[in-house]
Protein backbone atom coordinates (compact mmCIF):
# COMPACT_ATOMS: atom_id res chain seq x y z
CA MET A 1 87.30 -56.56 7.78
CA HIS A 2 86.76 -53.66 10.35
CA TRP A 3 83.36 -53.89 12.01
CA PRO A 4 81.53 -50.84 13.68
CA ARG A 5 81.31 -50.63 17.89
CA LEU A 6 77.76 -50.82 18.91
CA SER A 7 77.15 -48.61 21.55
CA PRO A 8 75.13 -49.80 24.50
CA PRO A 9 71.66 -48.33 23.31
CA ILE A 10 71.45 -49.58 20.08
CA VAL A 11 72.38 -52.93 21.13
CA PHE A 12 69.36 -52.88 23.26
CA ARG A 13 67.28 -51.64 20.78
CA LEU A 14 68.56 -54.54 18.92
CA VAL A 15 67.56 -57.28 21.04
CA ALA A 16 64.06 -54.85 21.71
CA VAL A 17 63.42 -55.16 18.32
CA GLY A 18 64.60 -59.29 18.45
CA LEU A 19 61.73 -59.78 21.28
CA VAL A 20 58.87 -58.04 19.16
CA VAL A 21 59.73 -60.02 15.95
CA LEU A 22 60.26 -63.61 18.22
CA ILE A 23 56.90 -62.34 20.05
CA LEU A 24 54.79 -61.54 17.19
CA VAL A 25 56.08 -64.90 15.71
CA ALA A 26 55.21 -67.11 18.58
CA ALA A 27 51.76 -65.46 18.64
CA SER A 28 51.03 -65.98 14.89
CA LEU A 29 51.36 -69.70 15.17
CA HIS A 30 49.28 -69.89 18.23
CA LEU A 31 46.34 -67.98 16.98
CA ARG A 32 47.02 -69.95 13.83
CA HIS A 33 45.77 -73.09 15.33
CA VAL A 34 42.03 -73.58 15.17
CA PRO A 35 40.24 -76.27 17.33
CA ARG A 36 38.63 -78.69 15.39
CA ASP A 37 35.91 -79.97 18.06
CA VAL A 38 33.85 -76.63 18.54
CA GLY A 39 30.38 -77.32 18.99
CA VAL A 40 27.40 -75.44 19.57
CA PRO A 41 25.87 -75.62 22.93
CA ASP A 42 22.45 -77.27 23.81
CA LEU A 43 20.12 -74.67 25.02
CA GLY A 44 17.35 -76.33 25.39
CA PRO A 45 14.79 -77.07 23.27
CA PRO A 46 13.85 -74.53 20.53
CA GLY A 47 10.49 -73.14 22.25
CA SER A 48 11.79 -72.66 25.80
CA ARG A 49 14.40 -70.70 24.11
CA ASP A 50 11.88 -68.79 21.85
CA ARG A 51 9.29 -68.20 25.00
CA LEU A 52 12.68 -66.54 26.87
CA ALA A 53 13.31 -64.64 23.98
CA ALA A 54 10.14 -63.37 23.58
CA GLY A 55 9.71 -63.29 27.13
CA LEU A 56 12.87 -61.02 28.22
CA ALA A 57 11.90 -58.73 24.63
CA ARG A 58 9.15 -57.78 26.53
CA CYS A 59 10.42 -56.90 29.91
CA GLN A 60 13.20 -55.12 28.24
CA ALA A 61 10.65 -53.09 26.52
CA LEU A 62 8.52 -52.70 29.39
CA GLY A 63 11.66 -50.62 30.92
CA ILE A 64 11.40 -49.82 34.76
CA LYS A 65 8.25 -50.69 34.65
CA ALA A 66 9.49 -54.15 34.48
CA ASP A 67 10.98 -54.11 38.02
CA GLY A 68 7.25 -54.79 39.92
CA ASP A 69 6.57 -57.44 37.22
CA PRO A 70 6.22 -60.99 38.72
CA ALA A 71 6.39 -62.42 34.96
CA CYS A 72 9.83 -60.86 34.19
CA ALA A 73 11.03 -61.74 37.64
CA ALA A 74 10.66 -65.39 37.20
CA ILE A 75 11.82 -64.73 33.27
CA TRP A 76 15.26 -63.22 34.55
CA ALA A 77 15.78 -65.79 37.42
CA GLU A 78 15.16 -68.51 34.70
CA ASN A 79 17.69 -66.49 31.99
CA ARG A 80 20.15 -66.25 35.05
CA LYS A 81 19.39 -70.23 35.91
CA ARG A 82 20.61 -71.05 32.31
CA PHE A 83 23.30 -68.94 32.28
CA PHE A 84 25.08 -69.89 35.37
CA ALA A 85 24.35 -73.88 34.59
CA PRO A 86 27.37 -75.89 35.35
CA ASP A 87 27.29 -77.52 31.86
CA ALA A 88 26.37 -74.23 29.66
CA ALA A 89 30.34 -72.80 29.04
CA ARG A 90 30.27 -76.57 27.34
C-alpha cells in the first residue's frame, strides 16, 4: 500500500491540532479536581459584619459627601483592616 506524501504545512497543522487536543485534555483533567477542604473564612462576629455592611452602604449612599465624613473614614479603615488581614485569605 502506498501512502501519499504529506507536505510540511499539513504536518505542522496536524501537530498543532494534536497539541491543542492535548492541552484541552490536560485542562479538563486539571479542572475536574475539586478541592475537598474548601471552607468559609471566619469574618468575625455576625453583628460586626452587619454593622460594617450597613456603614459601608450608608457611605456609598452619601456619595462624594462621604469624603469629609469621619464616620465613613473610620468604616473604610475597618474595611481595609479586615481586607488586608493576614488570615483573611484562609
